[in-house]
Amino acid sequence: MRLATAEDIPAVTELLNDPSIRPTIGGDGFLDPSALILDPRNRFYFDDRGGACFAWRGPQIYEGHSFFRVRGKDALKAGRECLALLDYRMVWGNTPEANRAARWFNRKLGFKSLGMVHDPYWGACEQFVLEK
């Protein structure tokens, strides 16, 4: 895993829009990560297996999103690598209730459930947090 830079925008764009990844992210249409990657407060880690975006929400507080071609133990290994690169106090995120695989993934990475919430974009979600 490595931190994405402006030069990596085409590679990350290809990853996010890969037919094996795009449906797992939700929403419709083409994804362009340029603004997220170019904002120096955010951290976008990736390699050929996929990666994670950590959107800055405050000092050492990030909203996390993952996207992987690999599954199961390989995804967990990649997810742990992303978290090891991040200097954080807290990472949080809302995971759609219907996405059981992602909810399992969050728990296996050590995230704690804060219960169900209503997300204006996703609807019913389980909110997760990981704190150091």
Protein backbone atom coordinates (compact mmCIF):
# COMPACT_ATOMS: atom_id res chain seq x y z
CA MET A 1 0.00 0.00 0.00
CA ARG A 2 1.12 3.52 -0.71
CA LEU A 3 -0.25 7.03 -0.47
CA ALA A 4 -1.85 8.19 -3.71
CA THR A 5 -0.55 11.39 -5.30
CA ALA A 6 -1.74 13.45 -8.25
CA GLU A 7 0.20 11.15 -10.57
CA ASP A 8 -1.81 8.18 -9.27
CA ILE A 9 -5.24 9.62 -10.11
CA PRO A 10 -5.60 7.55 -13.33
CA ALA A 11 -4.69 4.30 -11.53
CA VAL A 12 -7.01 4.97 -8.59
CA THR A 13 -9.81 6.03 -10.95
CA GLU A 14 -9.43 2.73 -12.81
CA LEU A 15 -9.56 0.82 -9.53
CA LEU A 16 -12.68 2.56 -8.23
CA ASN A 17 -14.52 2.04 -11.52
CA ASP A 18 -13.40 -1.58 -11.95
CA PRO A 19 -16.53 -3.74 -12.47
CA SER A 20 -15.50 -5.92 -9.51
CA ILE A 21 -15.25 -2.88 -7.20
CA ARG A 22 -17.69 -0.22 -8.43
CA PRO A 23 -20.90 -2.03 -7.32
CA THR A 24 -19.52 -2.44 -3.78
CA ILE A 25 -19.14 1.34 -3.36
CA GLY A 26 -22.76 2.22 -4.02
CA GLY A 27 -24.38 4.92 -6.03
CA ASP A 28 -24.37 5.21 -9.79
CA GLY A 29 -22.05 6.47 -12.46
CA PHE A 30 -18.38 7.13 -12.90
CA LEU A 31 -16.26 7.89 -9.81
CA ASP A 32 -13.56 10.54 -9.97
CA PRO A 33 -11.30 10.59 -6.88
CA SER A 34 -9.30 13.64 -7.99
CA ALA A 35 -10.63 16.08 -5.39
CA LEU A 36 -10.14 13.59 -2.56
CA ILE A 37 -6.60 12.74 -3.61
CA LEU A 38 -5.60 16.36 -4.22
CA ASP A 39 -6.79 17.52 -0.77
CA PRO A 40 -3.64 17.16 1.38
CA ARG A 41 -5.71 16.51 4.52
CA ASN A 42 -7.09 13.25 3.11
CA ARG A 43 -5.22 9.96 2.91
CA PHE A 44 -5.86 7.63 -0.04
CA TYR A 45 -3.87 4.38 0.16
CA PHE A 46 -3.91 1.83 -2.64
CA ASP A 47 -2.15 -0.91 -4.58
CA ASP A 48 -3.29 -3.47 -7.16
CA ARG A 49 -5.51 -5.19 -4.53
CA GLY A 50 -7.55 -2.05 -3.89
CA GLY A 51 -7.30 0.42 -1.05
CA ALA A 52 -8.95 2.84 1.33
CA CYS A 53 -9.83 6.50 1.41
CA PHE A 54 -9.64 8.33 4.70
CA ALA A 55 -11.42 11.67 4.39
CA TRP A 56 -10.27 14.26 6.92
CA ARG A 57 -13.00 15.30 9.36
CA GLY A 58 -10.81 16.94 12.02
CA PRO A 59 -7.33 16.61 13.53
CA GLN A 60 -6.50 12.89 13.28
CA ILE A 61 -10.19 12.09 12.71
CA TYR A 62 -11.15 10.43 9.43
CA GLU A 63 -14.18 9.00 7.71
CA GLY A 64 -13.05 5.72 6.16
CA HIS A 65 -14.10 3.93 2.97
CA SER A 66 -12.52 0.82 1.49
CA PHE A 67 -12.50 -0.69 -1.99
CA PHE A 68 -10.89 -4.05 -2.71
CA ARG A 69 -10.58 -6.50 -5.59
CA VAL A 70 -9.51 -9.15 -3.11
CA ARG A 71 -11.85 -10.64 -0.52
CA GLY A 72 -11.70 -12.41 2.85
CA LYS A 73 -8.30 -12.78 4.48
CA ASP A 74 -6.55 -10.97 1.62
CA ALA A 75 -8.83 -7.94 2.05
CA LEU A 76 -8.27 -7.99 5.81
CA LYS A 77 -4.51 -8.00 5.29
CA ALA A 78 -4.77 -5.07 2.88
CA GLY A 79 -7.12 -3.19 5.21
CA ARG A 80 -4.72 -3.63 8.12
CA GLU A 81 -1.89 -2.31 5.94
CA CYS A 82 -3.92 0.83 5.17
CA LEU A 83 -4.68 1.44 8.84
CA ALA A 84 -1.02 0.93 9.77
CA LEU A 85 -0.05 3.78 7.42
CA LEU A 86 -2.61 6.20 8.86
CA ASP A 87 -1.81 8.50 11.79
CA TYR A 88 -5.20 8.67 13.47
CA ARG A 89 -7.04 9.02 16.76
CA MET A 90 -10.37 7.98 15.26
CA VAL A 91 -11.70 6.47 12.05
CA TRP A 92 -15.45 6.19 11.61
CA GLY A 93 -17.91 5.30 8.91
CA ASN A 94 -21.46 4.28 8.13
CA THR A 95 -21.95 0.91 6.44
CA PRO A 96 -25.26 0.10 4.74
CA GLU A 97 -27.22 -2.45 6.73
CA ALA A 98 -27.58 -4.68 3.66
CA ASN A 99 -23.79 -4.88 3.14
CA ARG A 100 -23.15 -7.78 5.52
CA ALA A 101 -19.68 -8.49 4.11
CA ALA A 102 -18.49 -4.94 4.79
CA ARG A 103 -19.97 -4.99 8.29
CA TRP A 104 -18.09 -8.26 9.00
CA PHE A 105 -14.93 -6.69 7.54
CA ASN A 106 -15.22 -3.67 9.87
CA ARG A 107 -15.54 -5.88 12.93
CA LYS A 108 -12.58 -8.04 11.91
CA LEU A 109 -10.45 -4.89 11.55
CA GLY A 110 -11.30 -3.96 15.15
CA PHE A 111 -13.99 -1.37 14.53
CA LYS A 112 -16.72 -1.16 17.18
CA SER A 113 -20.37 -0.80 16.32
CA LEU A 114 -22.16 2.28 17.61
CA GLY A 115 -25.47 0.84 16.44
CA MET A 116 -27.85 1.59 13.63
CA VAL A 117 -28.25 5.11 12.23
CA HIS A 118 -30.09 6.71 9.32
CA ASP A 119 -27.68 8.05 6.71
CA PRO A 120 -29.26 10.59 4.32
CA TYR A 121 -27.45 8.99 1.35
CA TRP A 122 -27.39 5.29 2.28
CA GLY A 123 -30.49 4.91 4.45
CA ALA A 124 -30.23 2.33 7.25
CA CYS A 125 -26.59 1.93 8.25
CA GLU A 126 -24.50 0.53 11.04
CA GLN A 127 -22.05 3.13 12.33
CA PHE A 128 -18.55 1.95 13.18
CA VAL A 129 -15.63 3.61 14.97
CA LEU A 130 -11.99 2.67 15.53
CA GLU A 131 -10.06 4.61 18.15
CA LYS A 132 -6.44 4.49 19.27
